[in-house]
């Protein structure tokens, strides 16, 4: 029974794992033993932390610290609903159209010189239209060597000047996403030491029900020893280059993503109580807990061939989607990150209860040759960025998938999410007692 309670507690932590590494990052501790996050509590504590820790966060230039910013804590609207538009797609014709027209490079790289840094926020304001136009047309803008974005407040000032409208993380209500700076709407990325050796594959920050329109990833401190590179891939190019027969089959049959395993084999020893207790646990998780994650999960036994494994599985969904602005198709599927077959062949430190998988819509297994092909095409289009302090990457979250390599040492990256602006603002649901407890558990 104690093993089950422990497994259940861990399972709650990972139910919302259809984005990033499924676990919120705990407070990062430096070799001095002091939490690096304390550097963000105030300017005074930032200075104290800078003197006492190896991982410090540089403050932006004083002339850019204008009037105090209003706190965003408790004021951010919910992540908007996923915009699905995948019906009646001629996959082969759309692939051929991409091949004939071509797809330009995704990333606009903007490297600051002394003059740009001297202008501070004015530089971003002057070039806002150019940056946003490229983001919407091509999918990504990388800012390098800027002084302004080396702490959460400066980072926020940058995306506010660019006119980006912040929202909550798609699975914020689960309690699994912790803020690095709640007042600035900045979440901590996956810097957790227990997941340092876990390779995070390509994925959109999306669930079946919620998707952020844009994301801004920032590096406050790269991995102190090695690794931890951030990477992206263009979903339009992946769509174009996938084998047409494989892509068509996936499109026709749809996919379902399993986000957690809960092994209840101990019930086998309970004789006549096995079946009623199996139903009881399925009901408890399905009706009282899973809805808190707002992911439209079905609780299903035995999908992977293990009769007493209870899995939380998202509803059937298309692996491709039309971009909500351009109407052009993109690969919009997290199989590169979530497929168990691929995870078993990469560095992975997620416990069994947090292992994910991807099935066809009827819960049959994707063939290994399909997964090998998806992996090959996805890897071909990966663009790796060794981000340094203050570097910021803006991405179109519907078009560009992202991931992270393994690392050694301390690492501090963060992210803010944004809506497009034409969605109806929805107040976020209260995280709740259970979800707050989960957040504290994983910290």
Foldseek 3Di string as FASTA:
>chain_A
DVVQVVLVLVLLQFQLPQDFNRFAADFFAAPLRDGQLLLQPDVVSLVVCVVRGPQHFDAADPVPPDPDDFFCFQPAFAFAWDDFDQPPDPLVVLLVVCVVVDADAQEDEAEDDPVLQVCQLVNCLVCLVVVVVSCVRRWKYKYADHRQQRGLVSVLSNVVSSVFGFHAQLQVLLLRWDASGNRSQKTWHHQHPLCLQAWFFWAFSDFNTGHFQKKKKAFNAAFPPDFWWKKKFFQSQLSNPFDSVLLVVCQVQFKKKWFFKRADVVLVVVPPCSVVVLVVVQCCCVPPRSVSRVRQWHWDACLVNHRRITITMGAGDGQWGQDPPPRRIGRHHSQRRQAQVNSVVGRRSDDRRRHMHMDGNVSHHDDPVSNVRSNVSRVVRMDIDSGHRSMMMMGRSNTMIMIIHRGDHGTTMIMTTGHPPPDDGHRDDHSDDSSNVSNVVSD
